[in-house]
N, C-alpha and C. Protein backbone atom coordinates (compact mmCIF):
# COMPACT_ATOMS: atom_id res chain seq x y z
N MET A 1 -17.40 -0.48 -4.96
CA MET A 1 -18.23 0.14 -3.97
C MET A 1 -19.05 1.20 -4.66
N SER A 2 -20.30 1.21 -4.44
CA SER A 2 -21.18 2.20 -5.04
C SER A 2 -21.90 2.95 -3.95
N GLY A 3 -21.78 4.28 -3.97
CA GLY A 3 -22.48 5.09 -2.99
C GLY A 3 -22.06 4.80 -1.56
N GLY A 4 -20.80 4.31 -1.36
CA GLY A 4 -20.31 4.07 -0.02
C GLY A 4 -20.65 2.70 0.53
N ALA A 5 -21.29 1.83 -0.22
CA ALA A 5 -21.59 0.48 0.27
C ALA A 5 -20.48 -0.46 -0.14
N ASP A 6 -20.25 -1.50 0.66
CA ASP A 6 -19.18 -2.41 0.29
C ASP A 6 -19.60 -3.32 -0.86
N ALA A 7 -18.62 -4.06 -1.40
CA ALA A 7 -18.85 -4.87 -2.60
C ALA A 7 -19.90 -5.94 -2.36
N ALA A 8 -20.05 -6.37 -1.13
CA ALA A 8 -21.02 -7.42 -0.85
C ALA A 8 -22.41 -6.86 -0.62
N GLY A 9 -22.57 -5.54 -0.83
CA GLY A 9 -23.89 -4.95 -0.67
C GLY A 9 -24.22 -4.58 0.75
N GLY A 10 -23.18 -4.47 1.61
CA GLY A 10 -23.40 -4.13 3.00
C GLY A 10 -23.82 -2.68 3.17
N SER A 11 -23.90 -2.28 4.42
CA SER A 11 -24.36 -0.92 4.71
C SER A 11 -23.31 0.10 4.33
N PRO A 12 -23.75 1.33 4.05
CA PRO A 12 -22.81 2.37 3.68
C PRO A 12 -21.84 2.66 4.82
N ILE A 13 -20.62 3.06 4.44
CA ILE A 13 -19.63 3.42 5.44
C ILE A 13 -19.95 4.79 5.99
N SER A 14 -19.53 5.04 7.21
CA SER A 14 -19.71 6.39 7.76
C SER A 14 -18.67 7.29 7.14
N GLY A 15 -19.02 8.55 6.98
CA GLY A 15 -18.12 9.47 6.31
C GLY A 15 -17.00 9.97 7.18
N GLY A 16 -17.09 9.82 8.51
CA GLY A 16 -16.11 10.43 9.39
C GLY A 16 -15.01 9.48 9.78
N PRO A 17 -13.97 10.03 10.43
CA PRO A 17 -12.86 9.21 10.88
C PRO A 17 -13.25 8.30 12.04
N ILE A 18 -12.49 7.24 12.21
CA ILE A 18 -12.74 6.28 13.29
C ILE A 18 -12.28 6.90 14.61
N GLY A 19 -13.10 6.77 15.65
CA GLY A 19 -12.72 7.22 16.98
C GLY A 19 -12.55 8.72 17.11
N GLY A 20 -13.08 9.48 16.18
CA GLY A 20 -13.01 10.92 16.28
C GLY A 20 -11.74 11.55 15.75
N GLY A 21 -10.69 10.78 15.52
CA GLY A 21 -9.44 11.32 14.98
C GLY A 21 -9.22 10.83 13.57
N PRO A 22 -8.19 11.34 12.92
CA PRO A 22 -7.93 10.90 11.55
C PRO A 22 -7.47 9.43 11.50
N ILE A 23 -7.77 8.78 10.42
CA ILE A 23 -7.38 7.39 10.19
C ILE A 23 -5.88 7.36 9.90
N SER A 24 -5.17 6.45 10.55
CA SER A 24 -3.73 6.29 10.36
C SER A 24 -3.46 5.44 9.13
N VAL A 25 -2.70 6.00 8.20
CA VAL A 25 -2.43 5.34 6.92
C VAL A 25 -0.92 5.20 6.72
N GLY A 26 -0.51 4.03 6.26
CA GLY A 26 0.87 3.79 5.88
C GLY A 26 0.95 3.42 4.42
N LEU A 27 2.06 3.77 3.80
CA LEU A 27 2.35 3.36 2.43
C LEU A 27 3.47 2.34 2.52
N ILE A 28 3.42 1.32 1.67
CA ILE A 28 4.45 0.28 1.70
C ILE A 28 4.79 -0.12 0.28
N TRP A 29 6.09 -0.14 -0.03
CA TRP A 29 6.54 -0.59 -1.35
C TRP A 29 7.99 -1.03 -1.30
N ALA A 30 8.43 -1.69 -2.34
CA ALA A 30 9.83 -2.04 -2.56
C ALA A 30 10.29 -1.28 -3.80
N GLU A 31 11.53 -0.79 -3.74
CA GLU A 31 12.05 -0.04 -4.89
C GLU A 31 13.51 -0.38 -5.11
N ALA A 32 13.87 -0.39 -6.38
CA ALA A 32 15.27 -0.54 -6.76
C ALA A 32 15.88 0.85 -6.93
N ARG A 33 17.12 0.91 -7.32
CA ARG A 33 17.76 2.21 -7.55
C ARG A 33 16.94 3.02 -8.54
N GLY A 34 16.93 4.32 -8.33
CA GLY A 34 16.17 5.21 -9.19
C GLY A 34 14.68 5.20 -8.90
N GLY A 35 14.27 4.54 -7.80
CA GLY A 35 12.86 4.52 -7.43
C GLY A 35 11.99 3.60 -8.24
N VAL A 36 12.60 2.67 -8.99
CA VAL A 36 11.82 1.74 -9.82
C VAL A 36 11.02 0.80 -8.92
N ILE A 37 9.69 0.74 -9.18
CA ILE A 37 8.84 -0.20 -8.42
C ILE A 37 8.16 -1.23 -9.32
N GLY A 38 8.26 -1.05 -10.65
CA GLY A 38 7.59 -2.01 -11.52
C GLY A 38 8.04 -1.91 -12.96
N LEU A 39 7.80 -2.99 -13.69
CA LEU A 39 8.04 -3.07 -15.13
C LEU A 39 6.95 -3.95 -15.73
N ASP A 40 6.20 -3.39 -16.65
CA ASP A 40 5.12 -4.14 -17.31
C ASP A 40 4.16 -4.77 -16.30
N GLY A 41 3.86 -4.03 -15.22
CA GLY A 41 2.86 -4.49 -14.26
C GLY A 41 3.35 -5.47 -13.21
N VAL A 42 4.64 -5.74 -13.16
CA VAL A 42 5.16 -6.65 -12.13
C VAL A 42 6.43 -6.06 -11.52
N MET A 43 6.81 -6.58 -10.34
CA MET A 43 8.08 -6.19 -9.74
C MET A 43 9.19 -6.92 -10.49
N PRO A 44 10.19 -6.19 -10.99
CA PRO A 44 11.24 -6.83 -11.79
C PRO A 44 12.37 -7.44 -10.96
N TRP A 45 12.04 -8.08 -9.85
CA TRP A 45 12.99 -8.77 -8.99
C TRP A 45 12.21 -9.74 -8.12
N HIS A 46 12.95 -10.60 -7.44
CA HIS A 46 12.32 -11.50 -6.46
C HIS A 46 13.16 -11.46 -5.20
N VAL A 47 12.60 -10.89 -4.14
CA VAL A 47 13.26 -10.81 -2.83
C VAL A 47 12.27 -11.39 -1.81
N PRO A 48 12.41 -12.69 -1.51
CA PRO A 48 11.45 -13.34 -0.60
C PRO A 48 11.33 -12.65 0.75
N GLU A 49 12.43 -12.08 1.23
CA GLU A 49 12.41 -11.40 2.53
C GLU A 49 11.52 -10.16 2.49
N ASP A 50 11.43 -9.51 1.35
CA ASP A 50 10.54 -8.35 1.21
C ASP A 50 9.08 -8.81 1.27
N LEU A 51 8.78 -9.93 0.64
CA LEU A 51 7.41 -10.44 0.68
C LEU A 51 7.01 -10.81 2.11
N ALA A 52 7.94 -11.38 2.87
CA ALA A 52 7.67 -11.71 4.28
C ALA A 52 7.47 -10.44 5.10
N HIS A 53 8.26 -9.42 4.82
CA HIS A 53 8.13 -8.13 5.52
C HIS A 53 6.77 -7.50 5.22
N PHE A 54 6.37 -7.53 3.96
CA PHE A 54 5.08 -6.99 3.55
C PHE A 54 3.96 -7.69 4.31
N LYS A 55 4.03 -9.00 4.38
CA LYS A 55 3.00 -9.77 5.07
C LYS A 55 2.97 -9.42 6.56
N ALA A 56 4.14 -9.36 7.18
CA ALA A 56 4.20 -9.06 8.62
C ALA A 56 3.64 -7.67 8.92
N MET A 57 3.89 -6.71 8.04
CA MET A 57 3.42 -5.35 8.28
C MET A 57 1.91 -5.22 8.09
N THR A 58 1.35 -5.93 7.14
CA THR A 58 -0.05 -5.70 6.75
C THR A 58 -1.04 -6.71 7.32
N LEU A 59 -0.58 -7.84 7.83
CA LEU A 59 -1.47 -8.90 8.30
C LEU A 59 -2.40 -8.40 9.40
N GLY A 60 -3.67 -8.72 9.27
CA GLY A 60 -4.68 -8.34 10.25
C GLY A 60 -5.34 -7.00 9.98
N GLY A 61 -4.85 -6.27 9.00
CA GLY A 61 -5.41 -4.96 8.68
C GLY A 61 -6.06 -4.96 7.31
N SER A 62 -6.09 -3.79 6.72
CA SER A 62 -6.64 -3.62 5.37
C SER A 62 -5.57 -3.12 4.44
N VAL A 63 -5.63 -3.58 3.19
CA VAL A 63 -4.72 -3.11 2.15
C VAL A 63 -5.55 -2.46 1.05
N VAL A 64 -5.10 -1.29 0.61
CA VAL A 64 -5.76 -0.54 -0.45
C VAL A 64 -4.83 -0.54 -1.66
N MET A 65 -5.37 -0.90 -2.81
CA MET A 65 -4.56 -0.96 -4.03
C MET A 65 -5.41 -0.58 -5.22
N GLY A 66 -4.73 -0.20 -6.30
CA GLY A 66 -5.41 0.05 -7.55
C GLY A 66 -5.73 -1.25 -8.26
N ARG A 67 -6.62 -1.16 -9.24
CA ARG A 67 -7.02 -2.36 -9.99
C ARG A 67 -5.84 -2.99 -10.72
N LYS A 68 -4.96 -2.18 -11.28
CA LYS A 68 -3.80 -2.75 -11.99
C LYS A 68 -2.91 -3.52 -11.03
N THR A 69 -2.75 -3.02 -9.81
CA THR A 69 -1.96 -3.75 -8.82
C THR A 69 -2.64 -5.07 -8.48
N TRP A 70 -3.95 -5.03 -8.27
CA TRP A 70 -4.71 -6.27 -8.02
C TRP A 70 -4.47 -7.25 -9.16
N ASP A 71 -4.60 -6.79 -10.39
CA ASP A 71 -4.44 -7.67 -11.55
C ASP A 71 -3.03 -8.25 -11.65
N SER A 72 -2.04 -7.52 -11.11
CA SER A 72 -0.65 -7.99 -11.21
C SER A 72 -0.32 -9.08 -10.19
N ILE A 73 -1.16 -9.25 -9.19
CA ILE A 73 -0.92 -10.27 -8.16
C ILE A 73 -1.34 -11.62 -8.73
N PRO A 74 -0.45 -12.62 -8.67
CA PRO A 74 -0.84 -13.94 -9.17
C PRO A 74 -2.14 -14.41 -8.50
N GLU A 75 -3.01 -15.02 -9.29
CA GLU A 75 -4.33 -15.43 -8.78
C GLU A 75 -4.27 -16.24 -7.51
N ARG A 76 -3.27 -17.09 -7.37
CA ARG A 76 -3.19 -17.95 -6.18
C ARG A 76 -2.95 -17.15 -4.91
N PHE A 77 -2.51 -15.88 -5.04
CA PHE A 77 -2.27 -15.04 -3.87
C PHE A 77 -3.35 -13.98 -3.66
N ARG A 78 -4.37 -13.98 -4.54
CA ARG A 78 -5.47 -13.00 -4.42
C ARG A 78 -6.69 -13.66 -3.82
N PRO A 79 -7.35 -12.99 -2.89
CA PRO A 79 -6.93 -11.79 -2.19
C PRO A 79 -5.82 -12.13 -1.20
N PHE A 80 -5.12 -11.08 -0.71
CA PHE A 80 -4.12 -11.31 0.33
C PHE A 80 -4.84 -11.87 1.56
N ALA A 81 -4.44 -13.05 1.99
CA ALA A 81 -5.08 -13.71 3.13
C ALA A 81 -4.82 -12.94 4.42
N GLY A 82 -5.82 -12.96 5.31
CA GLY A 82 -5.67 -12.33 6.61
C GLY A 82 -5.74 -10.83 6.59
N ARG A 83 -6.19 -10.27 5.46
CA ARG A 83 -6.33 -8.82 5.32
C ARG A 83 -7.58 -8.53 4.52
N GLU A 84 -8.21 -7.39 4.79
CA GLU A 84 -9.29 -6.91 3.94
C GLU A 84 -8.64 -6.25 2.73
N ASN A 85 -9.06 -6.65 1.53
CA ASN A 85 -8.49 -6.14 0.29
C ASN A 85 -9.47 -5.16 -0.34
N ILE A 86 -9.05 -3.90 -0.51
CA ILE A 86 -9.89 -2.87 -1.11
C ILE A 86 -9.22 -2.44 -2.39
N VAL A 87 -9.97 -2.50 -3.49
CA VAL A 87 -9.44 -2.16 -4.81
C VAL A 87 -10.09 -0.88 -5.29
N VAL A 88 -9.26 0.08 -5.69
CA VAL A 88 -9.72 1.36 -6.22
C VAL A 88 -9.76 1.25 -7.74
N THR A 89 -10.93 1.52 -8.30
CA THR A 89 -11.09 1.46 -9.75
C THR A 89 -12.10 2.50 -10.21
N ARG A 90 -11.93 2.96 -11.44
CA ARG A 90 -12.91 3.87 -12.04
C ARG A 90 -14.04 3.09 -12.71
N GLN A 91 -13.86 1.78 -12.87
CA GLN A 91 -14.84 0.95 -13.56
C GLN A 91 -16.02 0.66 -12.63
N ALA A 92 -17.17 1.19 -12.98
CA ALA A 92 -18.36 1.07 -12.12
C ALA A 92 -18.81 -0.37 -11.92
N ASP A 93 -18.57 -1.24 -12.89
CA ASP A 93 -19.07 -2.61 -12.82
C ASP A 93 -17.99 -3.63 -12.45
N TRP A 94 -16.82 -3.19 -12.02
CA TRP A 94 -15.73 -4.11 -11.71
C TRP A 94 -16.00 -4.80 -10.37
N SER A 95 -15.69 -6.08 -10.31
CA SER A 95 -15.76 -6.83 -9.05
C SER A 95 -14.80 -8.00 -9.14
N ALA A 96 -14.41 -8.51 -7.99
CA ALA A 96 -13.55 -9.70 -7.93
C ALA A 96 -13.79 -10.37 -6.60
N ASP A 97 -13.71 -11.68 -6.60
CA ASP A 97 -13.87 -12.44 -5.36
C ASP A 97 -12.82 -12.00 -4.36
N GLY A 98 -13.28 -11.71 -3.13
CA GLY A 98 -12.36 -11.35 -2.06
C GLY A 98 -11.96 -9.89 -2.01
N ALA A 99 -12.50 -9.09 -2.93
CA ALA A 99 -12.14 -7.67 -2.97
C ALA A 99 -13.35 -6.80 -2.69
N HIS A 100 -13.16 -5.77 -1.88
CA HIS A 100 -14.13 -4.70 -1.74
C HIS A 100 -13.75 -3.65 -2.78
N VAL A 101 -14.71 -2.92 -3.27
CA VAL A 101 -14.46 -1.96 -4.35
C VAL A 101 -14.72 -0.55 -3.87
N ALA A 102 -13.83 0.36 -4.25
CA ALA A 102 -14.00 1.80 -3.98
C ALA A 102 -13.65 2.54 -5.26
N HIS A 103 -14.17 3.76 -5.38
CA HIS A 103 -13.92 4.52 -6.60
C HIS A 103 -13.05 5.74 -6.37
N SER A 104 -12.50 5.89 -5.15
CA SER A 104 -11.50 6.91 -4.88
C SER A 104 -10.62 6.40 -3.74
N VAL A 105 -9.43 6.96 -3.64
CA VAL A 105 -8.53 6.55 -2.56
C VAL A 105 -9.13 6.93 -1.20
N ALA A 106 -9.70 8.11 -1.09
CA ALA A 106 -10.30 8.53 0.18
C ALA A 106 -11.42 7.58 0.60
N ASP A 107 -12.29 7.19 -0.34
CA ASP A 107 -13.36 6.24 -0.03
C ASP A 107 -12.79 4.88 0.37
N ALA A 108 -11.72 4.46 -0.31
CA ALA A 108 -11.11 3.17 0.01
C ALA A 108 -10.54 3.18 1.42
N ILE A 109 -9.89 4.27 1.80
CA ILE A 109 -9.31 4.36 3.15
C ILE A 109 -10.41 4.36 4.20
N ALA A 110 -11.48 5.09 3.96
CA ALA A 110 -12.60 5.10 4.90
C ALA A 110 -13.22 3.71 5.03
N LEU A 111 -13.40 3.02 3.92
CA LEU A 111 -13.94 1.67 3.95
C LEU A 111 -12.99 0.74 4.71
N ALA A 112 -11.71 0.83 4.42
CA ALA A 112 -10.72 -0.01 5.09
C ALA A 112 -10.77 0.18 6.60
N ALA A 113 -10.84 1.43 7.03
CA ALA A 113 -10.89 1.72 8.47
C ALA A 113 -12.14 1.16 9.12
N SER A 114 -13.25 1.15 8.37
CA SER A 114 -14.49 0.61 8.93
C SER A 114 -14.44 -0.92 9.01
N LEU A 115 -13.67 -1.55 8.14
CA LEU A 115 -13.57 -3.02 8.13
C LEU A 115 -12.58 -3.54 9.16
N THR A 116 -11.55 -2.75 9.46
CA THR A 116 -10.54 -3.16 10.44
C THR A 116 -10.27 -1.99 11.40
N PRO A 117 -11.27 -1.64 12.23
CA PRO A 117 -11.14 -0.49 13.11
C PRO A 117 -9.93 -0.62 14.04
N GLY A 118 -9.25 0.50 14.22
CA GLY A 118 -8.09 0.53 15.11
C GLY A 118 -6.80 0.05 14.48
N GLU A 119 -6.86 -0.49 13.27
CA GLU A 119 -5.66 -0.95 12.57
C GLU A 119 -5.22 0.10 11.57
N ARG A 120 -3.92 0.17 11.35
CA ARG A 120 -3.40 1.06 10.31
C ARG A 120 -3.89 0.56 8.95
N VAL A 121 -4.27 1.47 8.08
CA VAL A 121 -4.63 1.13 6.71
C VAL A 121 -3.37 1.22 5.86
N TRP A 122 -3.11 0.19 5.07
CA TRP A 122 -1.91 0.15 4.24
C TRP A 122 -2.26 0.37 2.78
N VAL A 123 -1.62 1.35 2.16
CA VAL A 123 -1.74 1.58 0.72
C VAL A 123 -0.59 0.83 0.07
N THR A 124 -0.93 -0.07 -0.88
CA THR A 124 0.06 -1.00 -1.42
C THR A 124 0.34 -0.80 -2.91
N GLY A 125 -0.17 0.26 -3.49
CA GLY A 125 0.17 0.55 -4.88
C GLY A 125 -1.02 0.61 -5.79
N GLY A 126 -0.78 0.95 -7.00
CA GLY A 126 0.47 1.33 -7.61
C GLY A 126 0.79 2.81 -7.44
N ALA A 127 1.66 3.27 -8.35
CA ALA A 127 2.21 4.61 -8.25
C ALA A 127 1.12 5.68 -8.17
N GLU A 128 0.09 5.56 -8.98
CA GLU A 128 -0.99 6.55 -8.98
C GLU A 128 -1.73 6.58 -7.64
N ILE A 129 -1.93 5.42 -7.04
CA ILE A 129 -2.63 5.33 -5.75
C ILE A 129 -1.73 5.90 -4.64
N TYR A 130 -0.42 5.60 -4.67
CA TYR A 130 0.49 6.20 -3.70
C TYR A 130 0.44 7.73 -3.78
N ARG A 131 0.53 8.24 -5.00
CA ARG A 131 0.54 9.70 -5.16
C ARG A 131 -0.77 10.33 -4.70
N ALA A 132 -1.88 9.67 -4.97
CA ALA A 132 -3.18 10.19 -4.51
C ALA A 132 -3.23 10.22 -2.99
N ALA A 133 -2.75 9.16 -2.33
CA ALA A 133 -2.77 9.13 -0.86
C ALA A 133 -1.87 10.22 -0.30
N LEU A 134 -0.69 10.39 -0.87
CA LEU A 134 0.20 11.44 -0.39
C LEU A 134 -0.36 12.82 -0.69
N GLY A 135 -1.03 12.96 -1.82
CA GLY A 135 -1.63 14.25 -2.18
C GLY A 135 -2.75 14.65 -1.25
N ASP A 136 -3.44 13.65 -0.69
CA ASP A 136 -4.53 13.90 0.27
C ASP A 136 -4.05 13.79 1.71
N ALA A 137 -2.72 13.80 1.90
CA ALA A 137 -2.15 13.53 3.22
C ALA A 137 -2.60 14.54 4.27
N ALA A 138 -3.08 15.70 3.84
CA ALA A 138 -3.55 16.70 4.80
C ALA A 138 -5.05 16.60 5.04
N SER A 139 -5.66 15.52 4.60
CA SER A 139 -7.09 15.30 4.76
C SER A 139 -7.48 15.31 6.24
N ASP A 140 -8.67 15.80 6.53
CA ASP A 140 -9.18 15.74 7.90
C ASP A 140 -9.55 14.31 8.29
N ALA A 141 -9.85 13.48 7.29
CA ALA A 141 -10.32 12.12 7.55
C ALA A 141 -9.18 11.13 7.79
N PHE A 142 -8.01 11.35 7.16
CA PHE A 142 -6.90 10.42 7.36
C PHE A 142 -5.57 11.16 7.28
N ILE A 143 -4.55 10.52 7.85
CA ILE A 143 -3.20 11.07 7.80
C ILE A 143 -2.23 9.96 7.42
N VAL A 144 -1.42 10.21 6.40
CA VAL A 144 -0.34 9.30 6.05
C VAL A 144 0.79 9.61 7.01
N ASP A 145 1.06 8.68 7.94
CA ASP A 145 2.06 8.94 8.97
C ASP A 145 3.21 7.96 8.98
N ARG A 146 3.22 7.02 8.03
CA ARG A 146 4.33 6.07 7.94
C ARG A 146 4.51 5.65 6.49
N ILE A 147 5.77 5.48 6.11
CA ILE A 147 6.11 4.90 4.81
C ILE A 147 7.14 3.81 5.07
N GLU A 148 6.85 2.62 4.61
CA GLU A 148 7.77 1.48 4.72
C GLU A 148 8.32 1.19 3.33
N VAL A 149 9.63 1.30 3.20
CA VAL A 149 10.28 1.08 1.90
C VAL A 149 11.32 -0.01 2.03
N THR A 150 11.23 -1.02 1.17
CA THR A 150 12.32 -1.97 1.03
C THR A 150 13.17 -1.47 -0.13
N GLU A 151 14.39 -1.04 0.18
CA GLU A 151 15.32 -0.58 -0.85
C GLU A 151 16.11 -1.77 -1.35
N ILE A 152 16.13 -1.93 -2.66
CA ILE A 152 16.89 -3.01 -3.28
C ILE A 152 18.05 -2.37 -4.03
N ASP A 153 19.26 -2.76 -3.66
CA ASP A 153 20.46 -2.14 -4.20
C ASP A 153 20.82 -2.78 -5.55
N ALA A 154 20.00 -2.44 -6.55
CA ALA A 154 20.20 -3.00 -7.89
C ALA A 154 19.67 -2.03 -8.92
N ASP A 155 20.33 -2.00 -10.06
CA ASP A 155 19.84 -1.23 -11.20
C ASP A 155 18.96 -2.16 -12.03
N VAL A 156 17.69 -1.80 -12.17
CA VAL A 156 16.77 -2.58 -12.99
C VAL A 156 15.99 -1.63 -13.87
N SER A 157 15.58 -2.12 -15.01
CA SER A 157 14.72 -1.33 -15.89
C SER A 157 13.33 -1.30 -15.31
N GLY A 158 12.65 -0.17 -15.49
CA GLY A 158 11.29 -0.08 -14.99
C GLY A 158 10.52 1.01 -15.67
N ASP A 159 9.18 0.88 -15.65
CA ASP A 159 8.31 1.89 -16.23
C ASP A 159 7.41 2.53 -15.18
N THR A 160 7.56 2.10 -13.92
CA THR A 160 6.77 2.65 -12.82
C THR A 160 7.71 3.00 -11.69
N HIS A 161 7.50 4.20 -11.11
CA HIS A 161 8.41 4.70 -10.09
C HIS A 161 7.65 5.09 -8.82
N ALA A 162 8.34 4.93 -7.71
CA ALA A 162 7.79 5.32 -6.41
C ALA A 162 7.61 6.83 -6.36
N PRO A 163 6.65 7.29 -5.57
CA PRO A 163 6.52 8.74 -5.38
C PRO A 163 7.75 9.27 -4.64
N GLU A 164 8.02 10.54 -4.83
CA GLU A 164 9.11 11.17 -4.11
C GLU A 164 8.72 11.32 -2.65
N ILE A 165 9.63 10.96 -1.77
CA ILE A 165 9.42 11.16 -0.34
C ILE A 165 10.03 12.52 -0.02
N GLY A 166 9.18 13.48 0.29
CA GLY A 166 9.59 14.87 0.44
C GLY A 166 10.33 15.17 1.73
N ALA A 167 10.66 16.45 1.88
CA ALA A 167 11.43 16.92 3.02
C ALA A 167 10.66 16.81 4.34
N GLY A 168 9.36 16.60 4.29
CA GLY A 168 8.56 16.46 5.50
C GLY A 168 8.68 15.09 6.16
N TRP A 169 9.58 14.25 5.65
CA TRP A 169 9.75 12.89 6.17
C TRP A 169 11.20 12.67 6.57
N HIS A 170 11.43 11.77 7.52
CA HIS A 170 12.79 11.37 7.87
C HIS A 170 12.81 9.87 8.10
N VAL A 171 14.01 9.28 7.94
CA VAL A 171 14.16 7.85 8.20
C VAL A 171 14.15 7.66 9.72
N GLU A 172 13.15 6.93 10.19
CA GLU A 172 13.02 6.66 11.62
C GLU A 172 13.86 5.45 12.03
N THR A 173 13.80 4.40 11.20
CA THR A 173 14.62 3.22 11.45
C THR A 173 15.12 2.68 10.12
N ALA A 174 16.30 2.07 10.18
CA ALA A 174 16.88 1.38 9.03
C ALA A 174 17.33 0.01 9.50
N ASP A 175 17.01 -1.02 8.75
CA ASP A 175 17.38 -2.39 9.09
C ASP A 175 18.01 -3.03 7.85
N PRO A 176 19.33 -3.24 7.88
CA PRO A 176 20.25 -2.96 8.97
C PRO A 176 20.56 -1.46 9.07
N ALA A 177 21.13 -1.07 10.21
CA ALA A 177 21.42 0.35 10.45
C ALA A 177 22.46 0.88 9.47
N SER A 178 23.34 0.03 9.02
CA SER A 178 24.31 0.40 7.97
C SER A 178 24.52 -0.83 7.11
N ASP A 179 24.95 -0.61 5.89
CA ASP A 179 25.18 -1.69 4.94
C ASP A 179 23.85 -2.31 4.49
N TRP A 180 23.87 -3.57 4.07
CA TRP A 180 22.70 -4.21 3.46
C TRP A 180 22.57 -5.65 3.94
N HIS A 181 21.32 -6.15 3.98
CA HIS A 181 21.09 -7.59 4.06
C HIS A 181 21.33 -8.14 2.66
N VAL A 182 21.53 -9.44 2.55
CA VAL A 182 21.61 -10.07 1.24
C VAL A 182 20.51 -11.12 1.17
N SER A 183 19.64 -10.96 0.18
CA SER A 183 18.51 -11.87 0.00
C SER A 183 18.97 -13.26 -0.38
N ARG A 184 18.12 -14.24 -0.09
CA ARG A 184 18.38 -15.61 -0.57
C ARG A 184 18.52 -15.62 -2.08
N ALA A 185 17.91 -14.63 -2.75
CA ALA A 185 18.01 -14.52 -4.21
C ALA A 185 19.30 -13.80 -4.63
N GLY A 186 20.09 -13.34 -3.64
CA GLY A 186 21.38 -12.72 -3.94
C GLY A 186 21.36 -11.21 -4.06
N LEU A 187 20.21 -10.57 -3.91
CA LEU A 187 20.13 -9.12 -4.05
C LEU A 187 20.30 -8.43 -2.69
N PRO A 188 21.12 -7.36 -2.63
CA PRO A 188 21.22 -6.59 -1.40
C PRO A 188 19.94 -5.78 -1.19
N TYR A 189 19.48 -5.71 0.06
CA TYR A 189 18.26 -4.97 0.38
C TYR A 189 18.33 -4.48 1.81
N ARG A 190 17.48 -3.50 2.12
CA ARG A 190 17.31 -3.03 3.50
C ARG A 190 15.91 -2.47 3.66
N PHE A 191 15.46 -2.44 4.90
CA PHE A 191 14.13 -1.91 5.23
C PHE A 191 14.29 -0.51 5.82
N LEU A 192 13.57 0.45 5.27
CA LEU A 192 13.57 1.82 5.80
C LEU A 192 12.15 2.18 6.23
N ARG A 193 12.04 2.71 7.43
CA ARG A 193 10.76 3.22 7.92
C ARG A 193 10.87 4.74 8.01
N TYR A 194 9.96 5.41 7.27
CA TYR A 194 9.92 6.87 7.29
C TYR A 194 8.76 7.32 8.17
N ALA A 195 9.02 8.38 8.93
CA ALA A 195 7.99 9.01 9.74
C ALA A 195 7.98 10.51 9.39
N ARG A 196 6.90 11.17 9.76
CA ARG A 196 6.85 12.61 9.51
C ARG A 196 7.88 13.34 10.35
N ALA A 197 8.54 14.32 9.73
CA ALA A 197 9.59 15.08 10.42
C ALA A 197 8.97 16.00 11.47
């Protein structure tokens, strides 16, 4: 995106929030013990139920991700179908089929909201993009008001970690409420939804 226009050369996005209020933003990720979310650009596990949860949460809306996250998605799954895909990159000349381009997280969120008005905007990674969204959480234009975490009860090596969920958040729902589901792949997991305290 250059100067606020979408990747296809459409009209510039408006600078203000949709409907007069801040844009509702959610963060979504899966993490193993120790907050590990990636190793060498990929998730170091396979939990099909998490992929289905991700799809159910984001379908019909917009997903915002960094270029490295986009690159880590197998080509056959890019772009995520049924969602507007916005990629944040510092590279002025970067483009990809099915992706809108933005050069900051705030611009990406504004673009996402203009493409899918009334829908929650989902930030899908990576770690730097999550931290930027949380760092701007007090923005007048958007508010991060939900975090969806799939916890995987496994020790795995990783080089990328989830942002810390601070004291301003609480677990709103846990599925299951106690203990763990067991994935078809054999890994214990659960879904946690965080809301602002």
